[in-house]
Amino acid sequence: MDDSGSGDVEIRNKQEAKTTWSADVATEAGSATHSVGADGVVSESAAGKVEIGASGVSVNNGAFTVA
């Protein structure tokens, strides 16, 4: 837990997977990440990426989009 006064919370395990709660919530495990915030949701793993926001859904940096 962060004691800097910022209010951030971080949970980490022995394999260095972690979840961080701050303005956004982010989970990381190896090269995979998942974040949730006011702007939307982003999930990434290796070359794959899915972004979900108010304007629609984007897969692999715009290779496929739904608005």
C-alpha atoms as a PDB file:
ATOM      1  CA  MET A   1       0.000   0.000   0.000  1.00  0.00           C
ATOM      2  CA  ASP A   2       1.237   3.480  -0.854  1.00  0.00           C
ATOM      3  CA  ASP A   3       1.934   5.582   2.213  1.00  0.00           C
ATOM      4  CA  SER A   4       2.883   8.737   0.263  1.00  0.00           C
ATOM      5  CA  GLY A   5      -0.505  10.291   0.959  1.00  0.00           C
ATOM      6  CA  SER A   6      -1.636  10.034  -2.674  1.00  0.00           C
ATOM      7  CA  GLY A   7      -4.371   7.541  -1.806  1.00  0.00           C
ATOM      8  CA  ASP A   8      -3.129   4.942  -4.316  1.00  0.00           C
ATOM      9  CA  VAL A   9      -3.390   1.263  -3.415  1.00  0.00           C
ATOM     10  CA  GLU A  10      -1.248  -1.452  -4.999  1.00  0.00           C
ATOM     11  CA  ILE A  11      -1.531  -5.202  -4.538  1.00  0.00           C
ATOM     12  CA  ARG A  12       1.368  -7.323  -5.841  1.00  0.00           C
ATOM     13  CA  ASN A  13       2.106 -11.051  -5.680  1.00  0.00           C
ATOM     14  CA  LYS A  14       5.357 -13.051  -5.810  1.00  0.00           C
ATOM     15  CA  GLN A  15       5.129 -13.348  -9.604  1.00  0.00           C
ATOM     16  CA  GLU A  16       4.993  -9.516  -9.854  1.00  0.00           C
ATOM     17  CA  ALA A  17       1.388  -9.476 -11.084  1.00  0.00           C
ATOM     18  CA  LYS A  18      -0.253  -6.382  -9.634  1.00  0.00           C
ATOM     19  CA  THR A  19      -3.413  -4.337  -9.375  1.00  0.00           C
ATOM     20  CA  THR A  20      -3.187  -0.596  -8.773  1.00  0.00           C
ATOM     21  CA  TRP A  21      -6.096   1.569  -7.671  1.00  0.00           C
ATOM     22  CA  SER A  22      -5.663   5.288  -8.259  1.00  0.00           C
ATOM     23  CA  ALA A  23      -7.658   7.588 -10.551  1.00  0.00           C
ATOM     24  CA  ASP A  24      -7.895   4.495 -12.791  1.00  0.00           C
ATOM     25  CA  VAL A  25      -7.702   0.800 -11.916  1.00  0.00           C
ATOM     26  CA  ALA A  26      -4.966  -1.178 -13.670  1.00  0.00           C
ATOM     27  CA  THR A  27      -4.071  -4.862 -13.531  1.00  0.00           C
ATOM     28  CA  GLU A  28      -0.796  -6.193 -14.939  1.00  0.00           C
ATOM     29  CA  ALA A  29       0.387  -9.803 -15.269  1.00  0.00           C
ATOM     30  CA  GLY A  30       3.451 -10.417 -17.420  1.00  0.00           C
ATOM     31  CA  SER A  31       2.903  -8.589 -20.707  1.00  0.00           C
ATOM     32  CA  ALA A  32      -0.890  -8.487 -20.261  1.00  0.00           C
ATOM     33  CA  THR A  33      -2.619  -5.376 -18.919  1.00  0.00           C
ATOM     34  CA  HIS A  34      -6.203  -4.355 -18.232  1.00  0.00           C
ATOM     35  CA  SER A  35      -7.185  -0.842 -17.203  1.00  0.00           C
ATOM     36  CA  VAL A  36     -10.515   0.732 -16.355  1.00  0.00           C
ATOM     37  CA  GLY A  37     -10.988   4.470 -16.049  1.00  0.00           C
ATOM     38  CA  ALA A  38     -13.243   7.395 -16.834  1.00  0.00           C
ATOM     39  CA  ASP A  39     -12.158   7.288 -20.503  1.00  0.00           C
ATOM     40  CA  GLY A  40     -12.964   3.588 -20.943  1.00  0.00           C
ATOM     41  CA  VAL A  41     -11.435   0.123 -20.782  1.00  0.00           C
ATOM     42  CA  VAL A  42      -8.197  -1.085 -22.401  1.00  0.00           C
ATOM     43  CA  SER A  43      -6.988  -4.700 -22.481  1.00  0.00           C
ATOM     44  CA  GLU A  44      -3.632  -5.629 -24.008  1.00  0.00           C
ATOM     45  CA  SER A  45      -1.653  -8.828 -24.368  1.00  0.00           C
ATOM     46  CA  ALA A  46       1.399  -9.051 -26.634  1.00  0.00           C
ATOM     47  CA  ALA A  47       0.327  -7.594 -30.009  1.00  0.00           C
ATOM     48  CA  GLY A  48      -3.421  -7.712 -29.250  1.00  0.00           C
ATOM     49  CA  LYS A  49      -5.292  -4.701 -27.902  1.00  0.00           C
ATOM     50  CA  VAL A  50      -8.978  -3.911 -27.304  1.00  0.00           C
ATOM     51  CA  GLU A  51     -10.100  -0.384 -26.405  1.00  0.00           C
ATOM     52  CA  ILE A  52     -13.655   0.426 -25.323  1.00  0.00           C
ATOM     53  CA  GLY A  53     -14.712   4.031 -24.896  1.00  0.00           C
ATOM     54  CA  ALA A  54     -17.661   6.348 -25.278  1.00  0.00           C
ATOM     55  CA  SER A  55     -17.083   6.627 -29.043  1.00  0.00           C
ATOM     56  CA  GLY A  56     -16.926   2.867 -29.683  1.00  0.00           C
ATOM     57  CA  VAL A  57     -14.640  -0.155 -29.750  1.00  0.00           C
ATOM     58  CA  SER A  58     -11.206  -0.452 -31.382  1.00  0.00           C
ATOM     59  CA  VAL A  59      -9.307  -3.705 -31.891  1.00  0.00           C
ATOM     60  CA  ASN A  60      -5.553  -3.766 -32.550  1.00  0.00           C
ATOM     61  CA  ASN A  61      -5.092   0.000 -32.852  1.00  0.00           C
ATOM     62  CA  GLY A  62      -7.915   0.553 -35.316  1.00  0.00           C
ATOM     63  CA  ALA A  63      -7.598  -2.584 -37.458  1.00  0.00           C
ATOM     64  CA  PHE A  64     -11.276  -3.159 -36.621  1.00  0.00           C
ATOM     65  CA  THR A  65     -13.563  -0.494 -35.139  1.00  0.00           C
ATOM     66  CA  VAL A  66     -17.207  -0.193 -34.157  1.00  0.00           C
ATOM     67  CA  ALA A  67     -18.573   3.272 -33.557  1.00  0.00           C
END
